[in-house]
Amino acid sequence: MDTPGDMSALAALAPVVPVLTIERQADAVPLAQALVRGGLRVLEITLRTGVALEALRAIASEVPDAFVGAGTVLNARQLDQARQAGARFAVSPGCTPGLATAAAASGLPFLPGVQTVSEAMMLAERGFSLLKFFPADAAGGLGWLKAVAPPLAGLRFCPTGGIGPDNAPAYLSLANVACVGGSWVAPQDAVAVQDWTRIERLAAAAASLKRP
């Protein structure tokens, strides 16, 4: 499956990007399949566990309808590892000049994280028009996004951090929000007992959320 050319095209595929921290490699493929069946095709595998890259590689190989990417990418080395594992995009909680340069050179769609207007402006100068707002709830949430919409009119955001089924609709109602990221669609207790049916239902509910 071809990858959309940029993060904006990926964000348009579904209103919610599952943020997945996979502890057991055996869970990777059935988890991805359940999410895709529910309508969420863009999956972020965080590089926070020892099996993350192998999980990403397995999903890339065995779940062709998924667009799988790497999250918690902190440096150029991790970016390259993710690309070699089959990642179709990469996400970072923040960004450094070196990581931004490496991301541009890699050709991978890249979602850098911001928390301030200055960070957003610097990344806009580098050509990034879709940014991760993280940690969204702790960093100002809906109020921050509403306040920056007029001065940062050319930018859109993917808020992540503290997003769940109760507040996701409010975030998605904002014109400068392209999608949201969250882990609620794959709760750890459901993954632990391999309750893929429950995860598919949660994904379907998330996939049905409306955007402007």
N, C-alpha and C. Protein backbone atom coordinates (compact mmCIF):
# COMPACT_ATOMS: atom_id res chain seq x y z
N MET A 1 0.84 -1.19 0.00
CA MET A 1 0.00 0.00 0.00
C MET A 1 0.88 1.24 0.00
N ASP A 2 0.54 2.19 -0.87
CA ASP A 2 1.31 3.42 -0.92
C ASP A 2 0.99 4.29 0.29
N THR A 3 1.97 5.06 0.71
CA THR A 3 1.79 5.99 1.81
C THR A 3 1.36 7.34 1.25
N PRO A 4 0.33 7.97 1.85
CA PRO A 4 0.04 9.35 1.46
C PRO A 4 1.29 10.20 1.59
N GLY A 5 1.38 11.23 0.76
CA GLY A 5 2.62 11.98 0.67
C GLY A 5 2.99 12.80 1.87
N ASP A 6 2.03 13.13 2.74
CA ASP A 6 2.37 13.93 3.91
C ASP A 6 1.44 13.59 5.07
N MET A 7 1.72 14.17 6.21
CA MET A 7 0.94 13.86 7.40
C MET A 7 -0.50 14.34 7.27
N SER A 8 -0.73 15.41 6.54
CA SER A 8 -2.10 15.90 6.39
C SER A 8 -2.97 14.88 5.68
N ALA A 9 -2.41 14.22 4.68
CA ALA A 9 -3.16 13.18 3.97
C ALA A 9 -3.44 11.99 4.88
N LEU A 10 -2.46 11.63 5.72
CA LEU A 10 -2.67 10.55 6.68
C LEU A 10 -3.74 10.93 7.69
N ALA A 11 -3.67 12.15 8.20
CA ALA A 11 -4.63 12.61 9.21
C ALA A 11 -6.05 12.59 8.68
N ALA A 12 -6.20 12.77 7.38
CA ALA A 12 -7.54 12.80 6.80
C ALA A 12 -8.19 11.42 6.76
N LEU A 13 -7.42 10.36 6.98
CA LEU A 13 -7.97 9.02 6.86
C LEU A 13 -8.88 8.63 8.01
N ALA A 14 -8.71 9.21 9.19
CA ALA A 14 -9.54 8.89 10.34
C ALA A 14 -9.41 10.00 11.38
N PRO A 15 -10.44 10.21 12.19
CA PRO A 15 -10.36 11.29 13.18
C PRO A 15 -9.47 10.98 14.37
N VAL A 16 -9.19 9.70 14.60
CA VAL A 16 -8.39 9.30 15.76
C VAL A 16 -7.22 8.42 15.32
N VAL A 17 -6.03 8.75 15.81
CA VAL A 17 -4.85 7.92 15.59
C VAL A 17 -4.57 7.17 16.90
N PRO A 18 -4.73 5.84 16.91
CA PRO A 18 -4.41 5.09 18.12
C PRO A 18 -2.92 5.20 18.45
N VAL A 19 -2.63 5.50 19.71
CA VAL A 19 -1.26 5.56 20.20
C VAL A 19 -1.03 4.29 21.00
N LEU A 20 -0.21 3.38 20.45
CA LEU A 20 -0.11 2.02 20.97
C LEU A 20 1.26 1.76 21.58
N THR A 21 1.26 1.33 22.83
CA THR A 21 2.48 0.89 23.50
C THR A 21 2.38 -0.63 23.66
N ILE A 22 3.07 -1.35 22.80
CA ILE A 22 2.92 -2.81 22.71
C ILE A 22 3.98 -3.50 23.56
N GLU A 23 3.53 -4.31 24.49
CA GLU A 23 4.42 -5.01 25.42
C GLU A 23 4.79 -6.41 24.93
N ARG A 24 3.88 -7.04 24.16
CA ARG A 24 4.11 -8.40 23.67
C ARG A 24 4.00 -8.39 22.15
N GLN A 25 5.04 -8.87 21.49
CA GLN A 25 5.02 -8.85 20.03
C GLN A 25 3.84 -9.64 19.46
N ALA A 26 3.43 -10.71 20.16
CA ALA A 26 2.33 -11.53 19.67
C ALA A 26 1.02 -10.75 19.58
N ASP A 27 0.91 -9.66 20.33
CA ASP A 27 -0.32 -8.86 20.29
C ASP A 27 -0.38 -7.93 19.08
N ALA A 28 0.76 -7.67 18.45
CA ALA A 28 0.84 -6.59 17.46
C ALA A 28 -0.12 -6.76 16.30
N VAL A 29 -0.05 -7.89 15.64
CA VAL A 29 -0.87 -8.09 14.43
C VAL A 29 -2.36 -8.17 14.75
N PRO A 30 -2.81 -8.99 15.72
CA PRO A 30 -4.24 -9.01 16.01
C PRO A 30 -4.77 -7.68 16.53
N LEU A 31 -3.96 -6.94 17.25
CA LEU A 31 -4.38 -5.61 17.70
C LEU A 31 -4.58 -4.69 16.51
N ALA A 32 -3.62 -4.66 15.61
CA ALA A 32 -3.74 -3.82 14.42
C ALA A 32 -4.94 -4.23 13.58
N GLN A 33 -5.15 -5.52 13.43
CA GLN A 33 -6.29 -6.00 12.64
C GLN A 33 -7.61 -5.55 13.24
N ALA A 34 -7.73 -5.62 14.57
CA ALA A 34 -8.96 -5.20 15.23
C ALA A 34 -9.22 -3.71 15.02
N LEU A 35 -8.17 -2.90 15.13
CA LEU A 35 -8.32 -1.46 14.94
C LEU A 35 -8.71 -1.13 13.50
N VAL A 36 -8.08 -1.81 12.56
CA VAL A 36 -8.40 -1.58 11.15
C VAL A 36 -9.84 -2.00 10.85
N ARG A 37 -10.26 -3.14 11.38
CA ARG A 37 -11.65 -3.57 11.18
C ARG A 37 -12.63 -2.54 11.73
N GLY A 38 -12.24 -1.88 12.82
CA GLY A 38 -13.09 -0.84 13.39
C GLY A 38 -13.07 0.48 12.64
N GLY A 39 -12.15 0.62 11.70
CA GLY A 39 -12.12 1.82 10.87
C GLY A 39 -10.96 2.76 11.14
N LEU A 40 -10.04 2.36 12.01
CA LEU A 40 -8.86 3.18 12.29
C LEU A 40 -7.65 2.55 11.62
N ARG A 41 -7.17 3.16 10.56
CA ARG A 41 -6.11 2.56 9.74
C ARG A 41 -4.73 3.15 10.00
N VAL A 42 -4.68 4.34 10.61
CA VAL A 42 -3.40 5.00 10.88
C VAL A 42 -3.02 4.70 12.32
N LEU A 43 -1.96 3.91 12.51
CA LEU A 43 -1.60 3.39 13.83
C LEU A 43 -0.21 3.85 14.22
N GLU A 44 -0.09 4.40 15.40
CA GLU A 44 1.21 4.86 15.91
C GLU A 44 1.72 3.88 16.96
N ILE A 45 2.86 3.26 16.69
CA ILE A 45 3.50 2.35 17.63
C ILE A 45 4.60 3.13 18.36
N THR A 46 4.44 3.35 19.65
CA THR A 46 5.43 4.12 20.38
C THR A 46 6.70 3.28 20.60
N LEU A 47 7.83 3.94 20.46
CA LEU A 47 9.12 3.25 20.65
C LEU A 47 9.50 3.27 22.13
N ARG A 48 8.62 2.73 22.96
CA ARG A 48 8.83 2.75 24.41
C ARG A 48 9.08 1.37 24.98
N THR A 49 9.00 0.35 24.17
CA THR A 49 9.20 -1.01 24.67
C THR A 49 10.26 -1.72 23.82
N GLY A 50 10.78 -2.82 24.36
CA GLY A 50 11.82 -3.56 23.65
C GLY A 50 11.33 -4.26 22.40
N VAL A 51 10.00 -4.44 22.28
CA VAL A 51 9.47 -5.14 21.11
C VAL A 51 8.86 -4.19 20.09
N ALA A 52 8.96 -2.88 20.33
CA ALA A 52 8.25 -1.92 19.49
C ALA A 52 8.61 -2.03 18.01
N LEU A 53 9.91 -2.09 17.71
CA LEU A 53 10.31 -2.14 16.30
C LEU A 53 9.89 -3.44 15.64
N GLU A 54 9.97 -4.55 16.36
CA GLU A 54 9.53 -5.82 15.78
C GLU A 54 8.02 -5.83 15.61
N ALA A 55 7.29 -5.23 16.54
CA ALA A 55 5.84 -5.12 16.40
C ALA A 55 5.48 -4.29 15.18
N LEU A 56 6.20 -3.18 15.01
CA LEU A 56 5.97 -2.32 13.84
C LEU A 56 6.24 -3.09 12.56
N ARG A 57 7.36 -3.83 12.55
CA ARG A 57 7.73 -4.59 11.36
C ARG A 57 6.66 -5.65 11.02
N ALA A 58 6.13 -6.31 12.05
CA ALA A 58 5.12 -7.34 11.82
C ALA A 58 3.84 -6.74 11.26
N ILE A 59 3.42 -5.60 11.81
CA ILE A 59 2.19 -4.97 11.31
C ILE A 59 2.39 -4.49 9.87
N ALA A 60 3.53 -3.88 9.60
CA ALA A 60 3.81 -3.41 8.24
C ALA A 60 3.77 -4.55 7.24
N SER A 61 4.21 -5.73 7.66
CA SER A 61 4.28 -6.88 6.78
C SER A 61 2.96 -7.62 6.65
N GLU A 62 2.20 -7.70 7.75
CA GLU A 62 1.05 -8.61 7.78
C GLU A 62 -0.32 -7.92 7.81
N VAL A 63 -0.35 -6.61 7.96
CA VAL A 63 -1.64 -5.90 7.98
C VAL A 63 -1.59 -4.83 6.89
N PRO A 64 -1.80 -5.22 5.64
CA PRO A 64 -1.59 -4.29 4.53
C PRO A 64 -2.55 -3.10 4.52
N ASP A 65 -3.70 -3.22 5.18
CA ASP A 65 -4.64 -2.10 5.19
C ASP A 65 -4.31 -1.05 6.24
N ALA A 66 -3.30 -1.32 7.06
CA ALA A 66 -2.89 -0.35 8.08
C ALA A 66 -1.79 0.55 7.56
N PHE A 67 -1.84 1.81 7.97
CA PHE A 67 -0.72 2.73 7.80
C PHE A 67 -0.04 2.81 9.16
N VAL A 68 1.04 2.09 9.32
CA VAL A 68 1.68 2.00 10.64
C VAL A 68 2.90 2.90 10.69
N GLY A 69 3.03 3.62 11.80
CA GLY A 69 4.15 4.51 11.98
C GLY A 69 4.76 4.37 13.36
N ALA A 70 5.84 5.08 13.58
CA ALA A 70 6.56 5.03 14.85
C ALA A 70 6.33 6.31 15.64
N GLY A 71 6.01 6.14 16.93
CA GLY A 71 5.88 7.28 17.82
C GLY A 71 7.02 7.33 18.81
N THR A 72 7.10 8.44 19.55
CA THR A 72 8.18 8.67 20.51
C THR A 72 9.54 8.56 19.82
N VAL A 73 9.63 9.09 18.61
CA VAL A 73 10.90 9.16 17.88
C VAL A 73 11.65 10.39 18.39
N LEU A 74 12.81 10.17 19.00
CA LEU A 74 13.52 11.25 19.67
C LEU A 74 14.78 11.72 18.94
N ASN A 75 15.27 10.93 17.98
CA ASN A 75 16.51 11.30 17.32
C ASN A 75 16.59 10.65 15.94
N ALA A 76 17.62 11.01 15.19
CA ALA A 76 17.76 10.53 13.82
C ALA A 76 17.98 9.02 13.77
N ARG A 77 18.67 8.47 14.76
CA ARG A 77 18.90 7.02 14.77
C ARG A 77 17.59 6.26 14.88
N GLN A 78 16.73 6.67 15.79
CA GLN A 78 15.43 6.02 15.92
C GLN A 78 14.59 6.20 14.67
N LEU A 79 14.68 7.35 14.05
CA LEU A 79 13.95 7.60 12.82
C LEU A 79 14.38 6.61 11.74
N ASP A 80 15.68 6.40 11.63
CA ASP A 80 16.19 5.46 10.63
C ASP A 80 15.78 4.03 10.96
N GLN A 81 15.82 3.66 12.23
CA GLN A 81 15.39 2.32 12.63
C GLN A 81 13.92 2.10 12.29
N ALA A 82 13.11 3.09 12.54
CA ALA A 82 11.68 2.98 12.24
C ALA A 82 11.44 2.84 10.75
N ARG A 83 12.16 3.63 9.97
CA ARG A 83 12.01 3.55 8.51
C ARG A 83 12.39 2.17 8.00
N GLN A 84 13.49 1.63 8.52
CA GLN A 84 13.93 0.30 8.09
C GLN A 84 12.96 -0.79 8.53
N ALA A 85 12.24 -0.56 9.62
CA ALA A 85 11.26 -1.54 10.10
C ALA A 85 9.95 -1.49 9.31
N GLY A 86 9.81 -0.50 8.45
CA GLY A 86 8.61 -0.41 7.62
C GLY A 86 7.66 0.70 8.00
N ALA A 87 8.08 1.61 8.89
CA ALA A 87 7.21 2.71 9.28
C ALA A 87 6.84 3.56 8.07
N ARG A 88 5.59 3.97 8.01
CA ARG A 88 5.12 4.82 6.92
C ARG A 88 5.02 6.28 7.35
N PHE A 89 5.25 6.53 8.62
CA PHE A 89 5.34 7.90 9.13
C PHE A 89 6.01 7.84 10.50
N ALA A 90 6.35 9.01 11.03
CA ALA A 90 7.00 9.07 12.34
C ALA A 90 6.41 10.24 13.13
N VAL A 91 6.40 10.08 14.45
CA VAL A 91 5.83 11.08 15.35
C VAL A 91 6.82 11.31 16.49
N SER A 92 6.97 12.57 16.89
CA SER A 92 7.84 12.89 18.02
C SER A 92 7.07 13.73 19.04
N PRO A 93 7.36 13.56 20.33
CA PRO A 93 6.70 14.40 21.32
C PRO A 93 7.15 15.85 21.29
N GLY A 94 8.29 16.10 20.69
CA GLY A 94 8.82 17.45 20.52
C GLY A 94 9.60 17.48 19.22
N CYS A 95 10.60 18.34 19.15
CA CYS A 95 11.45 18.33 17.95
C CYS A 95 12.72 19.12 18.24
N THR A 96 13.80 18.68 17.61
CA THR A 96 15.06 19.41 17.63
C THR A 96 15.42 19.76 16.19
N PRO A 97 16.31 20.72 15.99
CA PRO A 97 16.73 21.03 14.62
C PRO A 97 17.29 19.80 13.90
N GLY A 98 18.07 18.98 14.62
CA GLY A 98 18.64 17.80 13.99
C GLY A 98 17.59 16.80 13.57
N LEU A 99 16.60 16.59 14.41
CA LEU A 99 15.54 15.65 14.07
C LEU A 99 14.70 16.16 12.91
N ALA A 100 14.42 17.46 12.89
CA ALA A 100 13.66 18.03 11.78
C ALA A 100 14.40 17.87 10.46
N THR A 101 15.71 18.07 10.49
CA THR A 101 16.53 17.90 9.28
C THR A 101 16.53 16.44 8.84
N ALA A 102 16.70 15.54 9.79
CA ALA A 102 16.71 14.10 9.46
C ALA A 102 15.37 13.67 8.91
N ALA A 103 14.29 14.18 9.47
CA ALA A 103 12.96 13.81 9.00
C ALA A 103 12.74 14.27 7.56
N ALA A 104 13.17 15.48 7.27
CA ALA A 104 13.03 15.99 5.91
C ALA A 104 13.83 15.15 4.93
N ALA A 105 15.03 14.73 5.34
CA ALA A 105 15.89 13.93 4.46
C ALA A 105 15.35 12.52 4.28
N SER A 106 14.63 12.01 5.28
CA SER A 106 14.15 10.62 5.23
C SER A 106 13.04 10.41 4.22
N GLY A 107 12.28 11.47 3.95
CA GLY A 107 11.14 11.33 3.06
C GLY A 107 9.89 10.80 3.75
N LEU A 108 10.00 10.43 5.02
CA LEU A 108 8.83 9.93 5.75
C LEU A 108 7.95 11.10 6.17
N PRO A 109 6.63 10.96 6.04
CA PRO A 109 5.75 11.95 6.68
C PRO A 109 6.10 12.02 8.16
N PHE A 110 6.18 13.23 8.69
CA PHE A 110 6.66 13.42 10.06
C PHE A 110 5.76 14.38 10.80
N LEU A 111 5.39 14.00 12.03
CA LEU A 111 4.54 14.82 12.88
C LEU A 111 5.35 15.24 14.11
N PRO A 112 5.92 16.44 14.10
CA PRO A 112 6.71 16.91 15.24
C PRO A 112 5.81 17.50 16.31
N GLY A 113 6.24 17.37 17.56
CA GLY A 113 5.44 17.87 18.67
C GLY A 113 5.80 19.29 19.07
N VAL A 114 4.80 20.04 19.51
CA VAL A 114 4.99 21.40 20.01
C VAL A 114 4.16 21.61 21.26
N GLN A 115 4.58 22.61 22.04
CA GLN A 115 3.83 23.01 23.23
C GLN A 115 3.64 24.51 23.29
N THR A 116 4.39 25.24 22.45
CA THR A 116 4.35 26.71 22.48
C THR A 116 4.18 27.28 21.08
N VAL A 117 3.79 28.55 21.04
CA VAL A 117 3.64 29.25 19.77
C VAL A 117 4.99 29.38 19.07
N SER A 118 6.04 29.65 19.83
CA SER A 118 7.37 29.80 19.21
C SER A 118 7.82 28.50 18.54
N GLU A 119 7.60 27.38 19.22
CA GLU A 119 7.94 26.08 18.61
C GLU A 119 7.15 25.88 17.32
N ALA A 120 5.88 26.21 17.35
CA ALA A 120 5.04 26.05 16.16
C ALA A 120 5.55 26.93 15.02
N MET A 121 5.94 28.15 15.34
CA MET A 121 6.45 29.06 14.32
C MET A 121 7.74 28.54 13.70
N MET A 122 8.64 28.03 14.54
CA MET A 122 9.92 27.52 14.03
C MET A 122 9.71 26.33 13.10
N LEU A 123 8.77 25.45 13.45
CA LEU A 123 8.52 24.30 12.59
C LEU A 123 7.78 24.71 11.32
N ALA A 124 6.94 25.72 11.42
CA ALA A 124 6.29 26.24 10.22
C ALA A 124 7.31 26.79 9.24
N GLU A 125 8.36 27.43 9.77
CA GLU A 125 9.42 27.93 8.90
C GLU A 125 10.11 26.81 8.15
N ARG A 126 10.12 25.63 8.74
CA ARG A 126 10.75 24.47 8.10
C ARG A 126 9.79 23.72 7.18
N GLY A 127 8.57 24.21 7.06
CA GLY A 127 7.64 23.63 6.11
C GLY A 127 6.63 22.66 6.70
N PHE A 128 6.59 22.53 8.02
CA PHE A 128 5.62 21.64 8.66
C PHE A 128 4.32 22.40 8.90
N SER A 129 3.22 21.89 8.37
CA SER A 129 1.93 22.57 8.53
C SER A 129 0.98 21.82 9.46
N LEU A 130 1.31 20.57 9.80
CA LEU A 130 0.53 19.79 10.76
C LEU A 130 1.46 19.41 11.90
N LEU A 131 1.08 19.76 13.12
CA LEU A 131 1.93 19.58 14.28
C LEU A 131 1.19 18.81 15.37
N LYS A 132 1.94 18.03 16.12
CA LYS A 132 1.38 17.36 17.29
C LYS A 132 1.39 18.35 18.46
N PHE A 133 0.25 18.53 19.11
CA PHE A 133 0.17 19.37 20.30
C PHE A 133 0.19 18.44 21.50
N PHE A 134 1.32 18.46 22.25
CA PHE A 134 1.53 17.48 23.31
C PHE A 134 2.28 18.09 24.48
N PRO A 135 1.91 17.73 25.71
CA PRO A 135 0.72 16.98 26.11
C PRO A 135 -0.49 17.90 26.12
N ALA A 136 -1.45 17.63 25.30
CA ALA A 136 -2.51 18.58 24.99
C ALA A 136 -3.24 19.10 26.22
N ASP A 137 -3.80 18.20 27.00
CA ASP A 137 -4.60 18.66 28.14
C ASP A 137 -3.75 19.42 29.15
N ALA A 138 -2.57 18.95 29.42
CA ALA A 138 -1.70 19.60 30.41
C ALA A 138 -1.14 20.93 29.92
N ALA A 139 -1.05 21.10 28.60
CA ALA A 139 -0.41 22.29 28.03
C ALA A 139 -1.40 23.38 27.63
N GLY A 140 -2.66 23.23 28.00
CA GLY A 140 -3.62 24.29 27.69
C GLY A 140 -4.86 23.81 26.97
N GLY A 141 -4.80 22.62 26.41
CA GLY A 141 -5.98 21.98 25.85
C GLY A 141 -6.75 22.80 24.83
N LEU A 142 -8.06 22.76 24.97
CA LEU A 142 -8.95 23.43 24.02
C LEU A 142 -8.70 24.94 24.01
N GLY A 143 -8.45 25.51 25.20
CA GLY A 143 -8.23 26.95 25.27
C GLY A 143 -7.02 27.38 24.47
N TRP A 144 -5.94 26.62 24.54
CA TRP A 144 -4.72 26.96 23.79
C TRP A 144 -5.00 26.90 22.29
N LEU A 145 -5.65 25.84 21.86
CA LEU A 145 -5.91 25.67 20.43
C LEU A 145 -6.82 26.77 19.89
N LYS A 146 -7.81 27.16 20.66
CA LYS A 146 -8.68 28.25 20.22
C LYS A 146 -7.91 29.56 20.15
N ALA A 147 -7.03 29.80 21.13
CA ALA A 147 -6.29 31.06 21.19
C ALA A 147 -5.29 31.21 20.05
N VAL A 148 -4.67 30.09 19.64
CA VAL A 148 -3.64 30.20 18.60
C VAL A 148 -4.21 30.14 17.20
N ALA A 149 -5.48 29.81 17.07
CA ALA A 149 -6.05 29.66 15.73
C ALA A 149 -5.91 30.92 14.87
N PRO A 150 -6.21 32.12 15.38
CA PRO A 150 -6.06 33.31 14.52
C PRO A 150 -4.61 33.62 14.15
N PRO A 151 -3.66 33.69 15.10
CA PRO A 151 -2.30 34.03 14.70
C PRO A 151 -1.58 32.93 13.93
N LEU A 152 -1.95 31.67 14.18
CA LEU A 152 -1.31 30.55 13.47
C LEU A 152 -2.30 29.95 12.48
N ALA A 153 -2.88 30.82 11.66
CA ALA A 153 -3.99 30.41 10.80
C ALA A 153 -3.59 29.35 9.77
N GLY A 154 -2.32 29.25 9.45
CA GLY A 154 -1.90 28.28 8.44
C GLY A 154 -1.58 26.91 9.00
N LEU A 155 -1.70 26.74 10.31
CA LEU A 155 -1.29 25.49 10.94
C LEU A 155 -2.49 24.70 11.46
N ARG A 156 -2.34 23.37 11.43
CA ARG A 156 -3.33 22.49 12.05
C ARG A 156 -2.60 21.57 13.02
N PHE A 157 -3.37 20.98 13.92
CA PHE A 157 -2.77 20.23 15.02
C PHE A 157 -3.42 18.87 15.19
N CYS A 158 -2.61 17.96 15.77
CA CYS A 158 -3.09 16.66 16.25
C CYS A 158 -2.85 16.65 17.75
N PRO A 159 -3.83 17.04 18.56
CA PRO A 159 -3.65 17.02 20.00
C PRO A 159 -3.53 15.59 20.52
N THR A 160 -2.60 15.37 21.40
CA THR A 160 -2.38 14.05 22.01
C THR A 160 -1.96 14.27 23.46
N GLY A 161 -2.43 13.39 24.33
CA GLY A 161 -2.10 13.51 25.74
C GLY A 161 -3.30 13.99 26.53
N GLY A 162 -3.94 13.06 27.25
CA GLY A 162 -5.14 13.41 27.99
C GLY A 162 -6.40 13.42 27.16
N ILE A 163 -6.34 12.86 25.95
CA ILE A 163 -7.52 12.80 25.08
C ILE A 163 -8.22 11.46 25.29
N GLY A 164 -9.53 11.50 25.42
CA GLY A 164 -10.32 10.29 25.59
C GLY A 164 -11.68 10.46 24.97
N PRO A 165 -12.55 9.48 25.13
CA PRO A 165 -13.85 9.55 24.47
C PRO A 165 -14.71 10.72 24.96
N ASP A 166 -14.46 11.20 26.18
CA ASP A 166 -15.29 12.29 26.71
C ASP A 166 -14.93 13.64 26.12
N ASN A 167 -13.63 13.88 25.84
CA ASN A 167 -13.25 15.20 25.33
C ASN A 167 -12.82 15.19 23.86
N ALA A 168 -12.66 14.02 23.25
CA ALA A 168 -12.26 13.98 21.84
C ALA A 168 -13.22 14.74 20.93
N PRO A 169 -14.55 14.62 21.11
CA PRO A 169 -15.44 15.38 20.22
C PRO A 169 -15.23 16.88 20.28
N ALA A 170 -14.94 17.41 21.49
CA ALA A 170 -14.71 18.85 21.61
C ALA A 170 -13.45 19.27 20.86
N TYR A 171 -12.40 18.48 20.97
CA TYR A 171 -11.18 18.78 20.21
C TYR A 171 -11.44 18.72 18.71
N LEU A 172 -12.14 17.68 18.28
CA LEU A 172 -12.36 17.49 16.85
C LEU A 172 -13.31 18.52 16.26
N SER A 173 -14.02 19.27 17.12
CA SER A 173 -14.93 20.30 16.61
C SER A 173 -14.19 21.56 16.19
N LEU A 174 -12.90 21.67 16.56
CA LEU A 174 -12.12 22.86 16.23
C LEU A 174 -11.60 22.78 14.80
N ALA A 175 -11.67 23.89 14.10
CA ALA A 175 -11.25 23.89 12.70
C ALA A 175 -9.76 23.66 12.53
N ASN A 176 -8.95 24.01 13.55
CA ASN A 176 -7.51 23.82 13.41
C ASN A 176 -7.03 22.47 13.97
N VAL A 177 -7.95 21.56 14.24
CA VAL A 177 -7.61 20.21 14.67
C VAL A 177 -7.90 19.25 13.51
N ALA A 178 -6.85 18.59 13.04
CA ALA A 178 -6.99 17.65 11.93
C ALA A 178 -7.44 16.28 12.40
N CYS A 179 -6.94 15.87 13.57
CA CYS A 179 -7.26 14.58 14.16
C CYS A 179 -6.75 14.62 15.59
N VAL A 180 -7.05 13.59 16.36
CA VAL A 180 -6.50 13.50 17.71
C VAL A 180 -5.79 12.16 17.86
N GLY A 181 -4.86 12.10 18.80
CA GLY A 181 -4.19 10.85 19.11
C GLY A 181 -4.59 10.39 20.50
N GLY A 182 -4.74 9.08 20.68
CA GLY A 182 -5.11 8.60 21.99
C GLY A 182 -4.96 7.10 22.13
N SER A 183 -4.85 6.68 23.37
CA SER A 183 -4.67 5.25 23.65
C SER A 183 -5.95 4.57 24.12
N TRP A 184 -7.03 5.35 24.28
CA TRP A 184 -8.24 4.77 24.86
C TRP A 184 -8.87 3.70 23.97
N VAL A 185 -8.56 3.70 22.69
CA VAL A 185 -9.18 2.70 21.80
C VAL A 185 -8.53 1.33 21.95
N ALA A 186 -7.41 1.25 22.65
CA ALA A 186 -6.74 -0.03 22.87
C ALA A 186 -6.31 -0.12 24.33
N PRO A 187 -7.27 -0.19 25.26
CA PRO A 187 -6.92 -0.21 26.68
C PRO A 187 -6.07 -1.42 27.02
N GLN A 188 -5.12 -1.20 27.93
CA GLN A 188 -4.18 -2.27 28.27
C GLN A 188 -4.86 -3.50 28.83
N ASP A 189 -5.97 -3.32 29.57
CA ASP A 189 -6.64 -4.50 30.12
C ASP A 189 -7.26 -5.34 29.02
N ALA A 190 -7.75 -4.70 27.97
CA ALA A 190 -8.31 -5.45 26.84
C ALA A 190 -7.22 -6.16 26.06
N VAL A 191 -6.09 -5.49 25.86
CA VAL A 191 -4.98 -6.12 25.15
C VAL A 191 -4.45 -7.31 25.95
N ALA A 192 -4.37 -7.16 27.26
CA ALA A 192 -3.82 -8.21 28.11
C ALA A 192 -4.58 -9.52 27.98
N VAL A 193 -5.90 -9.43 27.80
CA VAL A 193 -6.71 -10.65 27.68
C VAL A 193 -7.10 -10.92 26.22
N GLN A 194 -6.49 -10.16 25.32
CA GLN A 194 -6.71 -10.32 23.87
C GLN A 194 -8.19 -10.21 23.50
N ASP A 195 -8.84 -9.20 24.08
CA ASP A 195 -10.26 -8.95 23.77
C ASP A 195 -10.33 -8.05 22.54
N TRP A 196 -10.07 -8.65 21.39
CA TRP A 196 -10.02 -7.88 20.15
C TRP A 196 -11.40 -7.37 19.75
N THR A 197 -12.45 -8.07 20.15
CA THR A 197 -13.81 -7.62 19.83
C THR A 197 -14.11 -6.28 20.51
N ARG A 198 -13.72 -6.17 21.77
CA ARG A 198 -13.92 -4.90 22.49
C ARG A 198 -13.13 -3.78 21.83
N ILE A 199 -11.91 -4.06 21.45
CA ILE A 199 -11.07 -3.04 20.81
C ILE A 199 -11.66 -2.64 19.46
N GLU A 200 -12.18 -3.59 18.72
CA GLU A 200 -12.82 -3.25 17.45
C GLU A 200 -14.02 -2.33 17.68
N ARG A 201 -14.81 -2.58 18.72
CA ARG A 201 -15.96 -1.73 19.02
C ARG A 201 -15.51 -0.31 19.39
N LEU A 202 -14.47 -0.22 20.21
CA LEU A 202 -13.95 1.10 20.59
C LEU A 202 -13.42 1.85 19.36
N ALA A 203 -12.77 1.12 18.48
CA ALA A 203 -12.25 1.75 17.25
C ALA A 203 -13.38 2.24 16.37
N ALA A 204 -14.44 1.44 16.26
CA ALA A 204 -15.58 1.85 15.43
C ALA A 204 -16.23 3.12 15.98
N ALA A 205 -16.35 3.19 17.31
CA ALA A 205 -16.92 4.40 17.92
C ALA A 205 -16.03 5.61 17.65
N ALA A 206 -14.73 5.42 17.76
CA ALA A 206 -13.79 6.52 17.51
C ALA A 206 -13.80 6.93 16.05
N ALA A 207 -13.88 5.97 15.16
CA ALA A 207 -13.87 6.25 13.72
C ALA A 207 -15.11 7.03 13.29
N SER A 208 -16.18 6.94 14.07
CA SER A 208 -17.43 7.63 13.71
C SER A 208 -17.49 9.06 14.21
N LEU A 209 -16.46 9.50 14.97
CA LEU A 209 -16.46 10.87 15.47
C LEU A 209 -16.40 11.87 14.31
N LYS A 210 -17.10 12.96 14.46
CA LYS A 210 -17.23 13.94 13.37
C LYS A 210 -16.17 15.02 13.47
N ARG A 211 -15.79 15.51 12.30
CA ARG A 211 -14.90 16.66 12.19
C ARG A 211 -15.60 17.76 11.38
N PRO A 212 -15.16 19.02 11.52
CA PRO A 212 -15.80 20.11 10.75
C PRO A 212 -15.71 19.87 9.25
